[in-house]
Amino acid sequence: MLGENHALFIEFPEMQEKIRDLKSQDENFKAMSDRYHELDHKIRGLECTNIPTEDHHFTQLKMERLQLKDKLHSILTN
């Protein structure tokens, strides 16, 4: 769905406490989650306002967000 919020707390509601803990204790996790949030916000903004963007660029943003989500999920589940 266009404009859907993919924030980590929404994607992984059962891990909210662990997300908070890692963001305050692990600089690498915090940096990755901040970048994930930045990408999600940018993608949603593009989707909601129909700002023209070339398909390749838009696809790259979504792929980076997905890769970060996978890395963050891996950290959360280990």
PDB file of N, CA and C in Angstrom:
ATOM      1  N   MET A   1       0.843  -1.177   0.000  1.00  0.00           N
ATOM      2  CA  MET A   1       0.000   0.000   0.000  1.00  0.00           C
ATOM      3  C   MET A   1       0.891   1.243   0.000  1.00  0.00           C
ATOM      4  N   LEU A   2       0.551   2.204  -0.810  1.00  0.00           N
ATOM      5  CA  LEU A   2       1.329   3.430  -0.904  1.00  0.00           C
ATOM      6  C   LEU A   2       1.183   4.257   0.369  1.00  0.00           C
ATOM      7  N   GLY A   3       2.293   4.818   0.807  1.00  0.00           N
ATOM      8  CA  GLY A   3       2.279   5.694   1.970  1.00  0.00           C
ATOM      9  C   GLY A   3       2.207   4.971   3.295  1.00  0.00           C
ATOM     10  N   GLU A   4       2.326   3.662   3.289  1.00  0.00           N
ATOM     11  CA  GLU A   4       2.240   2.882   4.517  1.00  0.00           C
ATOM     12  C   GLU A   4       3.486   3.102   5.374  1.00  0.00           C
ATOM     13  N   ASN A   5       3.267   3.274   6.674  1.00  0.00           N
ATOM     14  CA  ASN A   5       4.357   3.491   7.615  1.00  0.00           C
ATOM     15  C   ASN A   5       5.017   2.150   7.933  1.00  0.00           C
ATOM     16  N   HIS A   6       6.321   2.080   7.723  1.00  0.00           N
ATOM     17  CA  HIS A   6       7.084   0.862   7.999  1.00  0.00           C
ATOM     18  C   HIS A   6       8.049   1.061   9.159  1.00  0.00           C
ATOM     19  N   ALA A   7       7.691   1.892  10.124  1.00  0.00           N
ATOM     20  CA  ALA A   7       8.547   2.128  11.284  1.00  0.00           C
ATOM     21  C   ALA A   7       8.844   0.797  11.976  1.00  0.00           C
ATOM     22  N   LEU A   8      10.007   0.708  12.598  1.00  0.00           N
ATOM     23  CA  LEU A   8      10.403  -0.538  13.250  1.00  0.00           C
ATOM     24  C   LEU A   8       9.398  -0.969  14.315  1.00  0.00           C
ATOM     25  N   PHE A   9       8.863  -0.026  15.070  1.00  0.00           N
ATOM     26  CA  PHE A   9       7.878  -0.365  16.105  1.00  0.00           C
ATOM     27  C   PHE A   9       6.610  -0.970  15.497  1.00  0.00           C
ATOM     28  N   ILE A  10       6.292  -0.590  14.277  1.00  0.00           N
ATOM     29  CA  ILE A  10       5.116  -1.138  13.587  1.00  0.00           C
ATOM     30  C   ILE A  10       5.458  -2.485  12.960  1.00  0.00           C
ATOM     31  N   GLU A  11       6.638  -2.571  12.366  1.00  0.00           N
ATOM     32  CA  GLU A  11       7.061  -3.812  11.716  1.00  0.00           C
ATOM     33  C   GLU A  11       7.313  -4.933  12.728  1.00  0.00           C
ATOM     34  N   PHE A  12       7.850  -4.571  13.890  1.00  0.00           N
ATOM     35  CA  PHE A  12       8.197  -5.556  14.920  1.00  0.00           C
ATOM     36  C   PHE A  12       7.614  -5.142  16.274  1.00  0.00           C
ATOM     37  N   PRO A  13       6.292  -5.114  16.402  1.00  0.00           N
ATOM     38  CA  PRO A  13       5.671  -4.619  17.637  1.00  0.00           C
ATOM     39  C   PRO A  13       6.049  -5.431  18.874  1.00  0.00           C
ATOM     40  N   GLU A  14       6.337  -6.703  18.699  1.00  0.00           N
ATOM     41  CA  GLU A  14       6.690  -7.547  19.830  1.00  0.00           C
ATOM     42  C   GLU A  14       8.109  -7.293  20.340  1.00  0.00           C
ATOM     43  N   MET A  15       8.870  -6.482  19.610  1.00  0.00           N
ATOM     44  CA  MET A  15      10.268  -6.216  19.974  1.00  0.00           C
ATOM     45  C   MET A  15      10.513  -4.758  20.342  1.00  0.00           C
ATOM     46  N   GLN A  16       9.469  -4.026  20.681  1.00  0.00           N
ATOM     47  CA  GLN A  16       9.619  -2.597  20.956  1.00  0.00           C
ATOM     48  C   GLN A  16      10.626  -2.318  22.069  1.00  0.00           C
ATOM     49  N   GLU A  17      10.564  -3.079  23.140  1.00  0.00           N
ATOM     50  CA  GLU A  17      11.489  -2.852  24.256  1.00  0.00           C
ATOM     51  C   GLU A  17      12.928  -3.126  23.841  1.00  0.00           C
ATOM     52  N   LYS A  18      13.131  -4.199  23.103  1.00  0.00           N
ATOM     53  CA  LYS A  18      14.481  -4.534  22.639  1.00  0.00           C
ATOM     54  C   LYS A  18      14.999  -3.468  21.670  1.00  0.00           C
ATOM     55  N   ILE A  19      14.136  -2.948  20.814  1.00  0.00           N
ATOM     56  CA  ILE A  19      14.531  -1.879  19.892  1.00  0.00           C
ATOM     57  C   ILE A  19      14.994  -0.661  20.685  1.00  0.00           C
ATOM     58  N   ARG A  20      14.207  -0.263  21.695  1.00  0.00           N
ATOM     59  CA  ARG A  20      14.579   0.884  22.538  1.00  0.00           C
ATOM     60  C   ARG A  20      15.921   0.651  23.223  1.00  0.00           C
ATOM     61  N   ASP A  21      16.097  -0.545  23.781  1.00  0.00           N
ATOM     62  CA  ASP A  21      17.347  -0.867  24.481  1.00  0.00           C
ATOM     63  C   ASP A  21      18.541  -0.810  23.539  1.00  0.00           C
ATOM     64  N   LEU A  22      18.405  -1.428  22.379  1.00  0.00           N
ATOM     65  CA  LEU A  22      19.520  -1.443  21.431  1.00  0.00           C
ATOM     66  C   LEU A  22      19.840  -0.043  20.903  1.00  0.00           C
ATOM     67  N   LYS A  23      18.814   0.757  20.685  1.00  0.00           N
ATOM     68  CA  LYS A  23      19.061   2.131  20.199  1.00  0.00           C
ATOM     69  C   LYS A  23      19.841   2.940  21.226  1.00  0.00           C
ATOM     70  N   SER A  24      19.656   2.651  22.510  1.00  0.00           N
ATOM     71  CA  SER A  24      20.362   3.409  23.536  1.00  0.00           C
ATOM     72  C   SER A  24      21.719   2.801  23.896  1.00  0.00           C
ATOM     73  N   GLN A  25      21.939   1.522  23.555  1.00  0.00           N
ATOM     74  CA  GLN A  25      23.164   0.841  23.980  1.00  0.00           C
ATOM     75  C   GLN A  25      24.113   0.484  22.837  1.00  0.00           C
ATOM     76  N   ASP A  26      23.628   0.466  21.606  1.00  0.00           N
ATOM     77  CA  ASP A  26      24.432  -0.001  20.477  1.00  0.00           C
ATOM     78  C   ASP A  26      24.436   1.070  19.387  1.00  0.00           C
ATOM     79  N   GLU A  27      25.563   1.744  19.243  1.00  0.00           N
ATOM     80  CA  GLU A  27      25.675   2.841  18.271  1.00  0.00           C
ATOM     81  C   GLU A  27      25.447   2.376  16.838  1.00  0.00           C
ATOM     82  N   ASN A  28      25.908   1.185  16.496  1.00  0.00           N
ATOM     83  CA  ASN A  28      25.720   0.662  15.153  1.00  0.00           C
ATOM     84  C   ASN A  28      24.229   0.426  14.881  1.00  0.00           C
ATOM     85  N   PHE A  29      23.537  -0.183  15.830  1.00  0.00           N
ATOM     86  CA  PHE A  29      22.102  -0.410  15.680  1.00  0.00           C
ATOM     87  C   PHE A  29      21.375   0.924  15.564  1.00  0.00           C
ATOM     88  N   LYS A  30      21.750   1.883  16.391  1.00  0.00           N
ATOM     89  CA  LYS A  30      21.106   3.207  16.354  1.00  0.00           C
ATOM     90  C   LYS A  30      21.304   3.860  14.995  1.00  0.00           C
ATOM     91  N   ALA A  31      22.523   3.823  14.469  1.00  0.00           N
ATOM     92  CA  ALA A  31      22.806   4.430  13.159  1.00  0.00           C
ATOM     93  C   ALA A  31      21.997   3.753  12.060  1.00  0.00           C
ATOM     94  N   MET A  32      21.926   2.423  12.099  1.00  0.00           N
ATOM     95  CA  MET A  32      21.156   1.704  11.076  1.00  0.00           C
ATOM     96  C   MET A  32      19.662   1.994  11.210  1.00  0.00           C
ATOM     97  N   SER A  33      19.155   2.047  12.439  1.00  0.00           N
ATOM     98  CA  SER A  33      17.726   2.314  12.620  1.00  0.00           C
ATOM     99  C   SER A  33      17.386   3.756  12.240  1.00  0.00           C
ATOM    100  N   ASP A  34      18.296   4.683  12.506  1.00  0.00           N
ATOM    101  CA  ASP A  34      18.078   6.077  12.092  1.00  0.00           C
ATOM    102  C   ASP A  34      18.029   6.184  10.564  1.00  0.00           C
ATOM    103  N   ARG A  35      18.935   5.495   9.888  1.00  0.00           N
ATOM    104  CA  ARG A  35      18.941   5.500   8.423  1.00  0.00           C
ATOM    105  C   ARG A  35      17.668   4.836   7.882  1.00  0.00           C
ATOM    106  N   TYR A  36      17.247   3.744   8.511  1.00  0.00           N
ATOM    107  CA  TYR A  36      16.013   3.062   8.113  1.00  0.00           C
ATOM    108  C   TYR A  36      14.828   4.026   8.227  1.00  0.00           C
ATOM    109  N   HIS A  37      14.748   4.728   9.353  1.00  0.00           N
ATOM    110  CA  HIS A  37      13.656   5.680   9.569  1.00  0.00           C
ATOM    111  C   HIS A  37      13.699   6.801   8.514  1.00  0.00           C
ATOM    112  N   GLU A  38      14.890   7.292   8.237  1.00  0.00           N
ATOM    113  CA  GLU A  38      15.063   8.343   7.228  1.00  0.00           C
ATOM    114  C   GLU A  38      14.581   7.867   5.856  1.00  0.00           C
ATOM    115  N   LEU A  39      14.970   6.663   5.475  1.00  0.00           N
ATOM    116  CA  LEU A  39      14.545   6.108   4.185  1.00  0.00           C
ATOM    117  C   LEU A  39      13.033   5.909   4.147  1.00  0.00           C
ATOM    118  N   ASP A  40      12.468   5.378   5.225  1.00  0.00           N
ATOM    119  CA  ASP A  40      11.031   5.138   5.268  1.00  0.00           C
ATOM    120  C   ASP A  40      10.268   6.451   5.116  1.00  0.00           C
ATOM    121  N   HIS A  41      10.726   7.465   5.817  1.00  0.00           N
ATOM    122  CA  HIS A  41      10.076   8.778   5.739  1.00  0.00           C
ATOM    123  C   HIS A  41      10.160   9.337   4.309  1.00  0.00           C
ATOM    124  N   LYS A  42      11.318   9.209   3.701  1.00  0.00           N
ATOM    125  CA  LYS A  42      11.513   9.718   2.340  1.00  0.00           C
ATOM    126  C   LYS A  42      10.635   8.961   1.340  1.00  0.00           C
ATOM    127  N   ILE A  43      10.595   7.652   1.452  1.00  0.00           N
ATOM    128  CA  ILE A  43       9.790   6.827   0.538  1.00  0.00           C
ATOM    129  C   ILE A  43       8.313   7.158   0.694  1.00  0.00           C
ATOM    130  N   ARG A  44       7.834   7.244   1.937  1.00  0.00           N
ATOM    131  CA  ARG A  44       6.426   7.581   2.161  1.00  0.00           C
ATOM    132  C   ARG A  44       6.100   8.960   1.621  1.00  0.00           C
ATOM    133  N   GLY A  45       7.014   9.903   1.790  1.00  0.00           N
ATOM    134  CA  GLY A  45       6.799  11.245   1.260  1.00  0.00           C
ATOM    135  C   GLY A  45       6.663  11.241  -0.250  1.00  0.00           C
ATOM    136  N   LEU A  46       7.516  10.480  -0.916  1.00  0.00           N
ATOM    137  CA  LEU A  46       7.442  10.381  -2.372  1.00  0.00           C
ATOM    138  C   LEU A  46       6.148   9.711  -2.806  1.00  0.00           C
ATOM    139  N   GLU A  47       5.750   8.676  -2.097  1.00  0.00           N
ATOM    140  CA  GLU A  47       4.523   7.965  -2.453  1.00  0.00           C
ATOM    141  C   GLU A  47       3.279   8.834  -2.244  1.00  0.00           C
ATOM    142  N   CYS A  48       3.252   9.577  -1.160  1.00  0.00           N
ATOM    143  CA  CYS A  48       2.055  10.353  -0.809  1.00  0.00           C
ATOM    144  C   CYS A  48       1.889  11.631  -1.624  1.00  0.00           C
ATOM    145  N   THR A  49       2.992  12.204  -2.071  1.00  0.00           N
ATOM    146  CA  THR A  49       2.899  13.479  -2.786  1.00  0.00           C
ATOM    147  C   THR A  49       3.091  13.330  -4.291  1.00  0.00           C
ATOM    148  N   ASN A  50       3.314  12.100  -4.732  1.00  0.00           N
ATOM    149  CA  ASN A  50       3.517  11.832  -6.155  1.00  0.00           C
ATOM    150  C   ASN A  50       4.629  12.674  -6.766  1.00  0.00           C
ATOM    151  N   ILE A  51       5.662  12.960  -5.973  1.00  0.00           N
ATOM    152  CA  ILE A  51       6.808  13.689  -6.497  1.00  0.00           C
ATOM    153  C   ILE A  51       7.470  12.808  -7.557  1.00  0.00           C
ATOM    154  N   PRO A  52       7.701  13.358  -8.741  1.00  0.00           N
ATOM    155  CA  PRO A  52       8.315  12.537  -9.790  1.00  0.00           C
ATOM    156  C   PRO A  52       9.706  12.055  -9.367  1.00  0.00           C
ATOM    157  N   THR A  53       9.921  10.806  -9.511  1.00  0.00           N
ATOM    158  CA  THR A  53      11.239  10.233  -9.248  1.00  0.00           C
ATOM    159  C   THR A  53      11.442   9.123 -10.269  1.00  0.00           C
ATOM    160  N   GLU A  54      12.652   9.008 -10.746  1.00  0.00           N
ATOM    161  CA  GLU A  54      12.883   7.944 -11.723  1.00  0.00           C
ATOM    162  C   GLU A  54      12.761   6.597 -11.027  1.00  0.00           C
ATOM    163  N   ASP A  55      12.218   5.650 -11.718  1.00  0.00           N
ATOM    164  CA  ASP A  55      11.934   4.341 -11.131  1.00  0.00           C
ATOM    165  C   ASP A  55      13.164   3.703 -10.509  1.00  0.00           C
ATOM    166  N   HIS A  56      14.305   3.832 -11.146  1.00  0.00           N
ATOM    167  CA  HIS A  56      15.539   3.226 -10.641  1.00  0.00           C
ATOM    168  C   HIS A  56      15.898   3.806  -9.278  1.00  0.00           C
ATOM    169  N   HIS A  57      15.821   5.113  -9.138  1.00  0.00           N
ATOM    170  CA  HIS A  57      16.138   5.776  -7.871  1.00  0.00           C
ATOM    171  C   HIS A  57      15.176   5.330  -6.772  1.00  0.00           C
ATOM    172  N   PHE A  58      13.901   5.314  -7.075  1.00  0.00           N
ATOM    173  CA  PHE A  58      12.877   4.909  -6.114  1.00  0.00           C
ATOM    174  C   PHE A  58      13.088   3.455  -5.695  1.00  0.00           C
ATOM    175  N   THR A  59      13.395   2.601  -6.655  1.00  0.00           N
ATOM    176  CA  THR A  59      13.658   1.190  -6.370  1.00  0.00           C
ATOM    177  C   THR A  59      14.888   1.033  -5.484  1.00  0.00           C
ATOM    178  N   GLN A  60      15.914   1.830  -5.723  1.00  0.00           N
ATOM    179  CA  GLN A  60      17.127   1.780  -4.900  1.00  0.00           C
ATOM    180  C   GLN A  60      16.814   2.146  -3.453  1.00  0.00           C
ATOM    181  N   LEU A  61      16.004   3.180  -3.252  1.00  0.00           N
ATOM    182  CA  LEU A  61      15.630   3.580  -1.894  1.00  0.00           C
ATOM    183  C   LEU A  61      14.892   2.447  -1.178  1.00  0.00           C
ATOM    184  N   LYS A  62      13.947   1.842  -1.878  1.00  0.00           N
ATOM    185  CA  LYS A  62      13.170   0.757  -1.273  1.00  0.00           C
ATOM    186  C   LYS A  62      14.052  -0.466  -1.003  1.00  0.00           C
ATOM    187  N   MET A  63      14.992  -0.746  -1.881  1.00  0.00           N
ATOM    188  CA  MET A  63      15.893  -1.884  -1.678  1.00  0.00           C
ATOM    189  C   MET A  63      16.809  -1.640  -0.477  1.00  0.00           C
ATOM    190  N   GLU A  64      17.317  -0.421  -0.340  1.00  0.00           N
ATOM    191  CA  GLU A  64      18.163  -0.105   0.812  1.00  0.00           C
ATOM    192  C   GLU A  64      17.366  -0.251   2.112  1.00  0.00           C
ATOM    193  N   ARG A  65      16.119   0.223   2.105  1.00  0.00           N
ATOM    194  CA  ARG A  65      15.277   0.096   3.299  1.00  0.00           C
ATOM    195  C   ARG A  65      15.061  -1.380   3.640  1.00  0.00           C
ATOM    196  N   LEU A  66      14.796  -2.196   2.641  1.00  0.00           N
ATOM    197  CA  LEU A  66      14.573  -3.625   2.862  1.00  0.00           C
ATOM    198  C   LEU A  66      15.829  -4.303   3.410  1.00  0.00           C
ATOM    199  N   GLN A  67      16.977  -3.972   2.860  1.00  0.00           N
ATOM    200  CA  GLN A  67      18.228  -4.565   3.336  1.00  0.00           C
ATOM    201  C   GLN A  67      18.503  -4.170   4.786  1.00  0.00           C
ATOM    202  N   LEU A  68      18.252  -2.907   5.118  1.00  0.00           N
ATOM    203  CA  LEU A  68      18.422  -2.466   6.499  1.00  0.00           C
ATOM    204  C   LEU A  68      17.446  -3.175   7.429  1.00  0.00           C
ATOM    205  N   LYS A  69      16.215  -3.320   6.984  1.00  0.00           N
ATOM    206  CA  LYS A  69      15.209  -4.015   7.800  1.00  0.00           C
ATOM    207  C   LYS A  69      15.671  -5.438   8.091  1.00  0.00           C
ATOM    208  N   ASP A  70      16.203  -6.131   7.087  1.00  0.00           N
ATOM    209  CA  ASP A  70      16.702  -7.493   7.277  1.00  0.00           C
ATOM    210  C   ASP A  70      17.857  -7.530   8.279  1.00  0.00           C
ATOM    211  N   LYS A  71      18.785  -6.589   8.171  1.00  0.00           N
ATOM    212  CA  LYS A  71      19.923  -6.536   9.094  1.00  0.00           C
ATOM    213  C   LYS A  71      19.448  -6.245  10.515  1.00  0.00           C
ATOM    214  N   LEU A  72      18.541  -5.289  10.647  1.00  0.00           N
ATOM    215  CA  LEU A  72      18.023  -4.941  11.970  1.00  0.00           C
ATOM    216  C   LEU A  72      17.263  -6.112  12.586  1.00  0.00           C
ATOM    217  N   HIS A  73      16.476  -6.796  11.790  1.00  0.00           N
ATOM    218  CA  HIS A  73      15.730  -7.953  12.281  1.00  0.00           C
ATOM    219  C   HIS A  73      16.702  -9.044  12.744  1.00  0.00           C
ATOM    220  N   SER A  74      17.762  -9.241  12.001  1.00  0.00           N
ATOM    221  CA  SER A  74      18.767 -10.235  12.370  1.00  0.00           C
ATOM    222  C   SER A  74      19.379  -9.903  13.731  1.00  0.00           C
ATOM    223  N   ILE A  75      19.705  -8.654  13.950  1.00  0.00           N
ATOM    224  CA  ILE A  75      20.261  -8.228  15.239  1.00  0.00           C
ATOM    225  C   ILE A  75      19.227  -8.435  16.355  1.00  0.00           C
ATOM    226  N   LEU A  76      17.992  -8.075  16.081  1.00  0.00           N
ATOM    227  CA  LEU A  76      16.941  -8.194  17.097  1.00  0.00           C
ATOM    228  C   LEU A  76      16.660  -9.641  17.483  1.00  0.00           C
ATOM    229  N   THR A  77      16.826 -10.556  16.575  1.00  0.00           N
ATOM    230  CA  THR A  77      16.502 -11.946  16.861  1.00  0.00           C
ATOM    231  C   THR A  77      17.693 -12.775  17.336  1.00  0.00           C
ATOM    232  N   ASN A  78      18.857 -12.181  17.389  1.00  0.00           N
ATOM    233  CA  ASN A  78      20.052 -12.892  17.892  1.00  0.00           C
ATOM    234  C   ASN A  78      20.346 -12.543  19.322  1.00  0.00           C
TER     235      ASN A  78
END
